[in-house]
Every structure is written in structure tokens, then in C-alpha cells.
Amino acid sequence: MEAEEFVNSIDKDLAHRKLELSRLKLKVIQGVSDSDSDHASWMRRSAAVLSYAHWEGFVKQASIQYVRYLNARRLPVSSLKRQLQAACLVSQFKRASASLKVRYLSELLQEMDQIREGVFQVNPKKIVDTESNLTSTVFGDLVQGIGLDYLDEYKTRGPFIDTKLVFGRHQVAHGELAVFGTAEIVDRIEAVVKLLDQYSQQLFEAVRSNQFLAAGDSPHEGESNADIREIPLQRADNVLADGPGEANM
């Protein structure tokens, strides 16, 4: 997978999700004047679940694509950040944890040395785990587990992720007849879109500037992704232009 192919795959997935969220947002706003209050109510509950679904779905798929991109680069394990090196050793640690005998620990060290001398190749689905419950803590573990920084923007959004996105989804999915206001749901959709944009741009920048490499390492054989375009995501943003004041309706 080339860098541009990675960027395009993320852009396409994100545009689809943002389009669906935009249409959902419009339906919720239209529900304000809906004479059928029951219809408007279940539409808002549906929106609470779908907002979470796109949050978890995009983070999971984009992260898997990122690991697939790293696999395709066929980089030496020793040249990568420690977190990515550790991802190659998960199964070895699990096996060694069954015994603390010196013999097994010695074998573990030998395997670790061999793996670090090899080429990075892991199963993306084994190291990208949203636990079907993408709280701020799980998200933080996932992001840092693939060698990315847990940005201050994510930390600031932690309470929203936990008390709005995740908890709201639980309420509806577990059968509660939770009540959501129109402005609340509109704000929730817009916040999700911002989070998805933030994460996609972080992934693009990681690929563009080779942030997966350990400090002091440089791309091999003169490789550089510095020419990867800054993705404006105009396709998705155009359909989200709803005019001022809608979030307060």
C-alpha cells in the first residue's frame, strides 16, 4: 500500500461517514417542526447510536489501515517506535507469562532479538482493539499502542466521549427510553465530525512525516512522504455546510 493509497482510503471512508452524519443531522433538525413527536424522539435516539457507531467504526478502520500501511513499508522492527516494536512481541509475552522459569525467559529474550532484527509485520486486527466500547481510555490505549500521541484535543474531549457518546449509546442500545434534545444531538454529531477530522489528520501527518520511526531514524533508501498532499476533505465538508445557528434550534 502506497502512502497516497492510504490517504485516499481514509479520505473515502471519512467522506462517506460525514455525509451520513450530515443527512442525519438534517433529519434531526427537521424533526423540530415534525407534528409526530414520537417520530422526532426516536430519530434523536437513533442519532445518538449512529454518532457513536461512526466514532468507533472510523477509529477502528482507519487504525487498521494505518497498520496495514506500515506492514506494506516492510520496515526493520528495530527502526520503529518502541510501541510498534512491542506490537510484534505480544504473543511472545503472553506465552512467556505462563512461566517465570529462567529457561523460558532466556528463550523469550532470544526471540525478541530475532524479531527486532526482522521486518515489521503484524496482524492489524490483533493490535487494534476498540473493545466494542470506545471510551476515552480505550481510545488512548489504542492510539498510543500504534505509536501515535494522545493529543491534548483528545484529552479535552474525554468527558464528551465518555458521558455523551458512549453513555448515550448504552442508554439506547440497552432499551432505555432516553430523551435527547435536538440541540444536544446536533452538537453531538458536530463534535463527532471534529473528532474524526482530527484523527484522520493525525494519521495523515504520521505517514507524511514518518512519525512511526524511532527518534534518530530516517526513511530507508531515500524514501520520503513529504509530498503527500494536505487533505482538505472538501467533499465531506461541503455537505456539512448547514448555515449559522442550527445547533441552537
C-alpha atoms as a PDB file:
ATOM      1  CA  MET A   1       0.000   0.000   0.000  1.00  0.00           C
ATOM      2  CA  GLU A   2       1.464   3.331  -1.092  1.00  0.00           C
ATOM      3  CA  ALA A   3       1.127   6.442   1.047  1.00  0.00           C
ATOM      4  CA  GLU A   4      -1.283   8.083  -1.396  1.00  0.00           C
ATOM      5  CA  GLU A   5      -3.408   4.947  -1.483  1.00  0.00           C
ATOM      6  CA  PHE A   6      -3.584   5.001   2.309  1.00  0.00           C
ATOM      7  CA  VAL A   7      -4.629   8.648   2.353  1.00  0.00           C
ATOM      8  CA  ASN A   8      -7.286   8.085  -0.302  1.00  0.00           C
ATOM      9  CA  SER A   9      -8.765   5.098   1.535  1.00  0.00           C
ATOM     10  CA  ILE A  10      -9.102   7.103   4.750  1.00  0.00           C
ATOM     11  CA  ASP A  11     -10.494  10.111   2.891  1.00  0.00           C
ATOM     12  CA  LYS A  12     -13.114   7.970   1.144  1.00  0.00           C
ATOM     13  CA  ASP A  13     -14.256   6.310   4.369  1.00  0.00           C
ATOM     14  CA  LEU A  14     -14.401   9.621   6.204  1.00  0.00           C
ATOM     15  CA  ALA A  15     -16.351  11.350   3.429  1.00  0.00           C
ATOM     16  CA  HIS A  16     -18.968   8.569   3.487  1.00  0.00           C
ATOM     17  CA  ARG A  17     -19.377   8.817   7.251  1.00  0.00           C
ATOM     18  CA  LYS A  18     -19.561  12.600   7.258  1.00  0.00           C
ATOM     19  CA  LEU A  19     -22.181  12.543   4.516  1.00  0.00           C
ATOM     20  CA  GLU A  20     -24.336  10.138   6.520  1.00  0.00           C
ATOM     21  CA  LEU A  21     -23.892  12.200   9.677  1.00  0.00           C
ATOM     22  CA  SER A  22     -24.811  15.346   7.758  1.00  0.00           C
ATOM     23  CA  ARG A  23     -28.025  13.779   6.480  1.00  0.00           C
ATOM     24  CA  LEU A  24     -28.800  12.508   9.959  1.00  0.00           C
ATOM     25  CA  LYS A  25     -28.237  15.965  11.400  1.00  0.00           C
ATOM     26  CA  LEU A  26     -30.626  17.450   8.825  1.00  0.00           C
ATOM     27  CA  LYS A  27     -33.305  14.905   9.706  1.00  0.00           C
ATOM     28  CA  VAL A  28     -32.975  15.734  13.401  1.00  0.00           C
ATOM     29  CA  ILE A  29     -33.279  19.458  12.728  1.00  0.00           C
ATOM     30  CA  GLN A  30     -36.316  18.897  10.511  1.00  0.00           C
ATOM     31  CA  GLY A  31     -37.871  16.942  13.371  1.00  0.00           C
ATOM     32  CA  VAL A  32     -38.310  20.200  15.329  1.00  0.00           C
ATOM     33  CA  SER A  33     -41.314  21.056  13.175  1.00  0.00           C
ATOM     34  CA  ASP A  34     -42.485  17.445  12.866  1.00  0.00           C
ATOM     35  CA  SER A  35     -46.056  17.088  14.061  1.00  0.00           C
ATOM     36  CA  ASP A  36     -45.291  13.493  15.039  1.00  0.00           C
ATOM     37  CA  SER A  37     -43.332  13.993  18.264  1.00  0.00           C
ATOM     38  CA  ASP A  38     -42.783  10.240  18.665  1.00  0.00           C
ATOM     39  CA  HIS A  39     -41.089  10.125  15.264  1.00  0.00           C
ATOM     40  CA  ALA A  40     -38.791  13.018  16.201  1.00  0.00           C
ATOM     41  CA  SER A  41     -37.962  11.342  19.516  1.00  0.00           C
ATOM     42  CA  TRP A  42     -36.869   8.007  18.056  1.00  0.00           C
ATOM     43  CA  MET A  43     -34.942   9.832  15.340  1.00  0.00           C
ATOM     44  CA  ARG A  44     -32.883  11.576  18.019  1.00  0.00           C
ATOM     45  CA  ARG A  45     -32.309   8.287  19.852  1.00  0.00           C
ATOM     46  CA  SER A  46     -31.217   6.689  16.585  1.00  0.00           C
ATOM     47  CA  ALA A  47     -28.840   9.588  16.013  1.00  0.00           C
ATOM     48  CA  ALA A  48     -27.274   9.027  19.446  1.00  0.00           C
ATOM     49  CA  VAL A  49     -26.421   5.431  18.485  1.00  0.00           C
ATOM     50  CA  LEU A  50     -25.233   6.233  14.958  1.00  0.00           C
ATOM     51  CA  SER A  51     -22.993   9.036  16.214  1.00  0.00           C
ATOM     52  CA  TYR A  52     -21.198   6.543  18.411  1.00  0.00           C
ATOM     53  CA  ALA A  53     -21.147   3.929  15.642  1.00  0.00           C
ATOM     54  CA  HIS A  54     -19.297   6.273  13.294  1.00  0.00           C
ATOM     55  CA  TRP A  55     -16.895   7.245  16.083  1.00  0.00           C
ATOM     56  CA  GLU A  56     -15.921   3.647  16.831  1.00  0.00           C
ATOM     57  CA  GLY A  57     -16.154   2.484  13.221  1.00  0.00           C
ATOM     58  CA  PHE A  58     -13.889   5.147  11.789  1.00  0.00           C
ATOM     59  CA  VAL A  59     -11.259   4.925  14.520  1.00  0.00           C
ATOM     60  CA  LYS A  60     -11.102   1.148  14.142  1.00  0.00           C
ATOM     61  CA  GLN A  61     -10.965   1.029  10.347  1.00  0.00           C
ATOM     62  CA  ALA A  62      -8.561   3.951   9.993  1.00  0.00           C
ATOM     63  CA  SER A  63      -6.217   2.456  12.591  1.00  0.00           C
ATOM     64  CA  ILE A  64      -6.271  -0.918  10.843  1.00  0.00           C
ATOM     65  CA  GLN A  65      -5.441   0.783   7.542  1.00  0.00           C
ATOM     66  CA  TYR A  66      -2.550   2.589   9.215  1.00  0.00           C
ATOM     67  CA  VAL A  67      -1.064  -0.686  10.464  1.00  0.00           C
ATOM     68  CA  ARG A  68      -1.557  -2.231   7.024  1.00  0.00           C
ATOM     69  CA  TYR A  69       0.352   0.687   5.555  1.00  0.00           C
ATOM     70  CA  LEU A  70       3.216   0.065   7.992  1.00  0.00           C
ATOM     71  CA  ASN A  71       3.198  -3.621   7.057  1.00  0.00           C
ATOM     72  CA  ALA A  72       3.489  -2.668   3.394  1.00  0.00           C
ATOM     73  CA  ARG A  73       6.532  -0.481   4.101  1.00  0.00           C
ATOM     74  CA  ARG A  74       8.445  -3.590   5.260  1.00  0.00           C
ATOM     75  CA  LEU A  75      10.486  -1.580   7.727  1.00  0.00           C
ATOM     76  CA  PRO A  76      13.024  -3.090  10.132  1.00  0.00           C
ATOM     77  CA  VAL A  77      11.357  -3.600  13.505  1.00  0.00           C
ATOM     78  CA  SER A  78      14.354  -2.014  15.240  1.00  0.00           C
ATOM     79  CA  SER A  79      13.819   1.251  13.304  1.00  0.00           C
ATOM     80  CA  LEU A  80      10.313   1.784  14.668  1.00  0.00           C
ATOM     81  CA  LYS A  81       8.970   3.389  17.823  1.00  0.00           C
ATOM     82  CA  ARG A  82       9.021   1.213  20.906  1.00  0.00           C
ATOM     83  CA  GLN A  83       5.234   0.828  20.899  1.00  0.00           C
ATOM     84  CA  LEU A  84       5.317  -0.674  17.413  1.00  0.00           C
ATOM     85  CA  GLN A  85       8.218  -2.922  18.322  1.00  0.00           C
ATOM     86  CA  ALA A  86       6.189  -4.121  21.290  1.00  0.00           C
ATOM     87  CA  ALA A  87       3.252  -4.909  18.990  1.00  0.00           C
ATOM     88  CA  CYS A  88       5.437  -7.542  17.328  1.00  0.00           C
ATOM     89  CA  LEU A  89       6.118  -9.232  20.672  1.00  0.00           C
ATOM     90  CA  VAL A  90       2.636  -9.566  22.136  1.00  0.00           C
ATOM     91  CA  SER A  91       2.276 -13.296  21.506  1.00  0.00           C
ATOM     92  CA  GLN A  92       5.753 -13.984  22.888  1.00  0.00           C
ATOM     93  CA  PHE A  93       4.970 -12.155  26.120  1.00  0.00           C
ATOM     94  CA  LYS A  94       1.674 -13.965  26.502  1.00  0.00           C
ATOM     95  CA  ARG A  95       3.395 -17.326  26.135  1.00  0.00           C
ATOM     96  CA  ALA A  96       6.234 -16.433  28.498  1.00  0.00           C
ATOM     97  CA  SER A  97       3.845 -15.133  31.147  1.00  0.00           C
ATOM     98  CA  ALA A  98       2.764 -18.717  31.802  1.00  0.00           C
ATOM     99  CA  SER A  99       6.132 -19.417  33.390  1.00  0.00           C
ATOM    100  CA  LEU A 100       8.835 -17.393  35.133  1.00  0.00           C
ATOM    101  CA  LYS A 101      11.485 -20.085  34.799  1.00  0.00           C
ATOM    102  CA  VAL A 102      14.845 -18.782  33.642  1.00  0.00           C
ATOM    103  CA  ARG A 103      14.826 -21.170  30.696  1.00  0.00           C
ATOM    104  CA  TYR A 104      11.664 -19.686  29.219  1.00  0.00           C
ATOM    105  CA  LEU A 105      12.737 -16.111  29.907  1.00  0.00           C
ATOM    106  CA  SER A 106      16.038 -16.805  28.149  1.00  0.00           C
ATOM    107  CA  GLU A 107      14.160 -18.117  25.124  1.00  0.00           C
ATOM    108  CA  LEU A 108      11.965 -15.018  25.198  1.00  0.00           C
ATOM    109  CA  LEU A 109      14.987 -12.716  25.076  1.00  0.00           C
ATOM    110  CA  GLN A 110      16.394 -14.662  22.145  1.00  0.00           C
ATOM    111  CA  GLU A 111      13.083 -14.408  20.254  1.00  0.00           C
ATOM    112  CA  MET A 112      12.892 -10.702  20.993  1.00  0.00           C
ATOM    113  CA  ASP A 113      16.332 -10.144  19.500  1.00  0.00           C
ATOM    114  CA  GLN A 114      15.398 -12.130  16.401  1.00  0.00           C
ATOM    115  CA  ILE A 115      12.134 -10.246  15.922  1.00  0.00           C
ATOM    116  CA  ARG A 116      13.829  -6.855  16.291  1.00  0.00           C
ATOM    117  CA  GLU A 117      16.225  -7.827  13.525  1.00  0.00           C
ATOM    118  CA  GLY A 118      13.343  -8.742  11.236  1.00  0.00           C
ATOM    119  CA  VAL A 119      10.762  -6.842   9.201  1.00  0.00           C
ATOM    120  CA  PHE A 120       7.670  -5.296  10.804  1.00  0.00           C
ATOM    121  CA  GLN A 121       4.645  -7.481  10.060  1.00  0.00           C
ATOM    122  CA  VAL A 122       1.686  -7.795  12.420  1.00  0.00           C
ATOM    123  CA  ASN A 123      -1.988  -8.684  12.215  1.00  0.00           C
ATOM    124  CA  PRO A 124      -3.753  -5.275  12.394  1.00  0.00           C
ATOM    125  CA  LYS A 125      -6.888  -6.728  13.946  1.00  0.00           C
ATOM    126  CA  LYS A 126      -4.892  -8.134  16.854  1.00  0.00           C
ATOM    127  CA  ILE A 127      -3.403  -4.821  17.913  1.00  0.00           C
ATOM    128  CA  VAL A 128      -6.322  -2.531  17.008  1.00  0.00           C
ATOM    129  CA  ASP A 129      -8.995  -3.293  19.585  1.00  0.00           C
ATOM    130  CA  THR A 130     -11.840  -0.874  20.346  1.00  0.00           C
ATOM    131  CA  GLU A 131     -13.281  -3.407  22.818  1.00  0.00           C
ATOM    132  CA  SER A 132     -16.735  -2.586  21.365  1.00  0.00           C
ATOM    133  CA  ASN A 133     -16.745   0.243  23.865  1.00  0.00           C
ATOM    134  CA  LEU A 134     -14.518   3.064  22.649  1.00  0.00           C
ATOM    135  CA  THR A 135     -14.203   5.141  25.796  1.00  0.00           C
ATOM    136  CA  SER A 136     -11.548   7.827  26.111  1.00  0.00           C
ATOM    137  CA  THR A 137      -9.340   5.359  27.991  1.00  0.00           C
ATOM    138  CA  VAL A 138      -9.654   2.658  25.324  1.00  0.00           C
ATOM    139  CA  PHE A 139      -9.050   5.245  22.613  1.00  0.00           C
ATOM    140  CA  GLY A 140      -5.947   6.478  24.406  1.00  0.00           C
ATOM    141  CA  ASP A 141      -4.574   2.949  24.692  1.00  0.00           C
ATOM    142  CA  LEU A 142      -5.300   2.256  21.025  1.00  0.00           C
ATOM    143  CA  VAL A 143      -3.714   5.475  19.736  1.00  0.00           C
ATOM    144  CA  GLN A 144      -0.572   5.087  21.818  1.00  0.00           C
ATOM    145  CA  GLY A 145      -0.427   1.364  21.035  1.00  0.00           C
ATOM    146  CA  ILE A 146       0.150   2.115  17.347  1.00  0.00           C
ATOM    147  CA  GLY A 147       2.815   4.684  18.115  1.00  0.00           C
ATOM    148  CA  LEU A 148       0.778   7.903  17.963  1.00  0.00           C
ATOM    149  CA  ASP A 149       0.459  10.682  20.532  1.00  0.00           C
ATOM    150  CA  TYR A 150      -2.688  11.070  22.598  1.00  0.00           C
ATOM    151  CA  LEU A 151      -3.280  14.698  21.673  1.00  0.00           C
ATOM    152  CA  ASP A 152      -4.437  17.394  24.079  1.00  0.00           C
ATOM    153  CA  GLU A 153      -7.556  17.782  21.931  1.00  0.00           C
ATOM    154  CA  TYR A 154      -8.480  14.179  22.729  1.00  0.00           C
ATOM    155  CA  LYS A 155      -7.893  14.710  26.443  1.00  0.00           C
ATOM    156  CA  THR A 156     -10.145  17.763  26.387  1.00  0.00           C
ATOM    157  CA  ARG A 157     -12.842  15.733  24.640  1.00  0.00           C
ATOM    158  CA  GLY A 158     -12.556  12.831  27.110  1.00  0.00           C
ATOM    159  CA  PRO A 159     -15.668  13.753  29.158  1.00  0.00           C
ATOM    160  CA  PHE A 160     -17.711  14.164  25.957  1.00  0.00           C
ATOM    161  CA  ILE A 161     -16.595  10.764  24.659  1.00  0.00           C
ATOM    162  CA  ASP A 162     -17.447   9.008  27.923  1.00  0.00           C
ATOM    163  CA  THR A 163     -20.538  10.803  29.201  1.00  0.00           C
ATOM    164  CA  LYS A 164     -22.173  11.673  25.888  1.00  0.00           C
ATOM    165  CA  LEU A 165     -21.078   9.351  23.094  1.00  0.00           C
ATOM    166  CA  VAL A 166     -20.533   6.094  24.970  1.00  0.00           C
ATOM    167  CA  PHE A 167     -23.116   6.516  27.722  1.00  0.00           C
ATOM    168  CA  GLY A 168     -25.777   7.775  25.288  1.00  0.00           C
ATOM    169  CA  ARG A 169     -25.220   4.766  23.069  1.00  0.00           C
ATOM    170  CA  HIS A 170     -25.525   2.436  26.075  1.00  0.00           C
ATOM    171  CA  GLN A 171     -28.801   4.041  27.125  1.00  0.00           C
ATOM    172  CA  VAL A 172     -30.460   3.462  23.780  1.00  0.00           C
ATOM    173  CA  ALA A 173     -28.826   0.109  22.963  1.00  0.00           C
ATOM    174  CA  HIS A 174     -29.886  -1.294  26.342  1.00  0.00           C
ATOM    175  CA  GLY A 175     -33.508  -0.354  25.808  1.00  0.00           C
ATOM    176  CA  GLU A 176     -33.836   2.815  27.865  1.00  0.00           C
ATOM    177  CA  LEU A 177     -36.307   5.337  26.501  1.00  0.00           C
ATOM    178  CA  ALA A 178     -33.777   8.106  26.956  1.00  0.00           C
ATOM    179  CA  VAL A 179     -34.813  11.608  25.931  1.00  0.00           C
ATOM    180  CA  PHE A 180     -32.426  13.756  23.862  1.00  0.00           C
ATOM    181  CA  GLY A 181     -32.968  17.357  22.818  1.00  0.00           C
ATOM    182  CA  THR A 182     -32.469  18.499  19.249  1.00  0.00           C
ATOM    183  CA  ALA A 183     -29.637  20.908  20.079  1.00  0.00           C
ATOM    184  CA  GLU A 184     -27.927  18.199  22.142  1.00  0.00           C
ATOM    185  CA  ILE A 185     -27.944  15.719  19.265  1.00  0.00           C
ATOM    186  CA  VAL A 186     -26.853  18.323  16.706  1.00  0.00           C
ATOM    187  CA  ASP A 187     -23.934  19.290  18.940  1.00  0.00           C
ATOM    188  CA  ARG A 188     -23.073  15.612  19.378  1.00  0.00           C
ATOM    189  CA  ILE A 189     -22.948  14.982  15.628  1.00  0.00           C
ATOM    190  CA  GLU A 190     -20.805  18.052  15.035  1.00  0.00           C
ATOM    191  CA  ALA A 191     -18.412  17.037  17.828  1.00  0.00           C
ATOM    192  CA  VAL A 192     -18.034  13.557  16.345  1.00  0.00           C
ATOM    193  CA  VAL A 193     -17.213  15.031  12.939  1.00  0.00           C
ATOM    194  CA  LYS A 194     -14.497  17.174  14.533  1.00  0.00           C
ATOM    195  CA  LEU A 195     -13.020  14.146  16.292  1.00  0.00           C
ATOM    196  CA  LEU A 196     -12.966  12.126  13.075  1.00  0.00           C
ATOM    197  CA  ASP A 197     -11.317  15.011  11.235  1.00  0.00           C
ATOM    198  CA  GLN A 198      -8.720  15.344  13.984  1.00  0.00           C
ATOM    199  CA  TYR A 199      -7.830  11.662  13.956  1.00  0.00           C
ATOM    200  CA  SER A 200      -7.648  11.456  10.158  1.00  0.00           C
ATOM    201  CA  GLN A 201      -5.310  14.449  10.022  1.00  0.00           C
ATOM    202  CA  GLN A 202      -3.133  12.901  12.725  1.00  0.00           C
ATOM    203  CA  LEU A 203      -2.817   9.718  10.681  1.00  0.00           C
ATOM    204  CA  PHE A 204      -2.043  11.687   7.512  1.00  0.00           C
ATOM    205  CA  GLU A 205       0.669  13.625   9.320  1.00  0.00           C
ATOM    206  CA  ALA A 206       2.133  10.433  10.797  1.00  0.00           C
ATOM    207  CA  VAL A 207       2.504   8.999   7.300  1.00  0.00           C
ATOM    208  CA  ARG A 208       3.656  12.275   5.766  1.00  0.00           C
ATOM    209  CA  SER A 209       6.467  12.834   8.287  1.00  0.00           C
ATOM    210  CA  ASN A 210       7.303   9.189   9.096  1.00  0.00           C
ATOM    211  CA  GLN A 211       6.323   9.569  12.742  1.00  0.00           C
ATOM    212  CA  PHE A 212       6.329   5.785  13.149  1.00  0.00           C
ATOM    213  CA  LEU A 213      10.140   5.775  13.106  1.00  0.00           C
ATOM    214  CA  ALA A 214      12.174   5.808  16.295  1.00  0.00           C
ATOM    215  CA  ALA A 215      13.912   9.064  17.172  1.00  0.00           C
ATOM    216  CA  GLY A 216      17.015   9.480  15.058  1.00  0.00           C
ATOM    217  CA  ASP A 217      15.913   7.109  12.307  1.00  0.00           C
ATOM    218  CA  SER A 218      15.170   8.291   8.796  1.00  0.00           C
ATOM    219  CA  PRO A 219      13.296   6.755   5.838  1.00  0.00           C
ATOM    220  CA  HIS A 220      15.228   3.987   4.140  1.00  0.00           C
ATOM    221  CA  GLU A 221      16.625   4.286   0.644  1.00  0.00           C
ATOM    222  CA  GLY A 222      15.764   7.957   0.483  1.00  0.00           C
ATOM    223  CA  GLU A 223      12.058   7.379   0.919  1.00  0.00           C
ATOM    224  CA  SER A 224      10.020  10.401   1.940  1.00  0.00           C
ATOM    225  CA  ASN A 225       6.325  11.131   2.163  1.00  0.00           C
ATOM    226  CA  ALA A 226       6.749  14.875   2.492  1.00  0.00           C
ATOM    227  CA  ASP A 227       4.919  15.422  -0.795  1.00  0.00           C
ATOM    228  CA  ILE A 228       1.672  13.873   0.420  1.00  0.00           C
ATOM    229  CA  ARG A 229      -0.998  16.494  -0.026  1.00  0.00           C
ATOM    230  CA  GLU A 230      -2.762  18.131   2.881  1.00  0.00           C
ATOM    231  CA  ILE A 231      -6.237  16.637   2.578  1.00  0.00           C
ATOM    232  CA  PRO A 232      -8.879  19.404   2.723  1.00  0.00           C
ATOM    233  CA  LEU A 233     -11.740  16.891   2.796  1.00  0.00           C
ATOM    234  CA  GLN A 234     -13.857  19.313   0.774  1.00  0.00           C
ATOM    235  CA  ARG A 235     -16.189  16.592  -0.478  1.00  0.00           C
ATOM    236  CA  ALA A 236     -17.362  15.896   3.035  1.00  0.00           C
ATOM    237  CA  ASP A 237     -17.203  19.464   4.299  1.00  0.00           C
ATOM    238  CA  ASN A 238     -19.416  20.794   1.514  1.00  0.00           C
ATOM    239  CA  VAL A 239     -22.305  18.581   2.535  1.00  0.00           C
ATOM    240  CA  LEU A 240     -21.906  19.667   6.160  1.00  0.00           C
ATOM    241  CA  ALA A 241     -22.363  23.368   5.426  1.00  0.00           C
ATOM    242  CA  ASP A 242     -25.701  23.940   7.087  1.00  0.00           C
ATOM    243  CA  GLY A 243     -25.701  27.643   7.785  1.00  0.00           C
ATOM    244  CA  PRO A 244     -25.409  29.518  11.101  1.00  0.00           C
ATOM    245  CA  GLY A 245     -27.408  28.891  14.207  1.00  0.00           C
ATOM    246  CA  GLU A 246     -28.644  25.371  13.531  1.00  0.00           C
ATOM    247  CA  ALA A 247     -27.027  23.901  16.615  1.00  0.00           C
ATOM    248  CA  ASN A 248     -29.221  26.119  18.755  1.00  0.00           C
ATOM    249  CA  MET A 249     -32.516  25.115  17.209  1.00  0.00           C
END
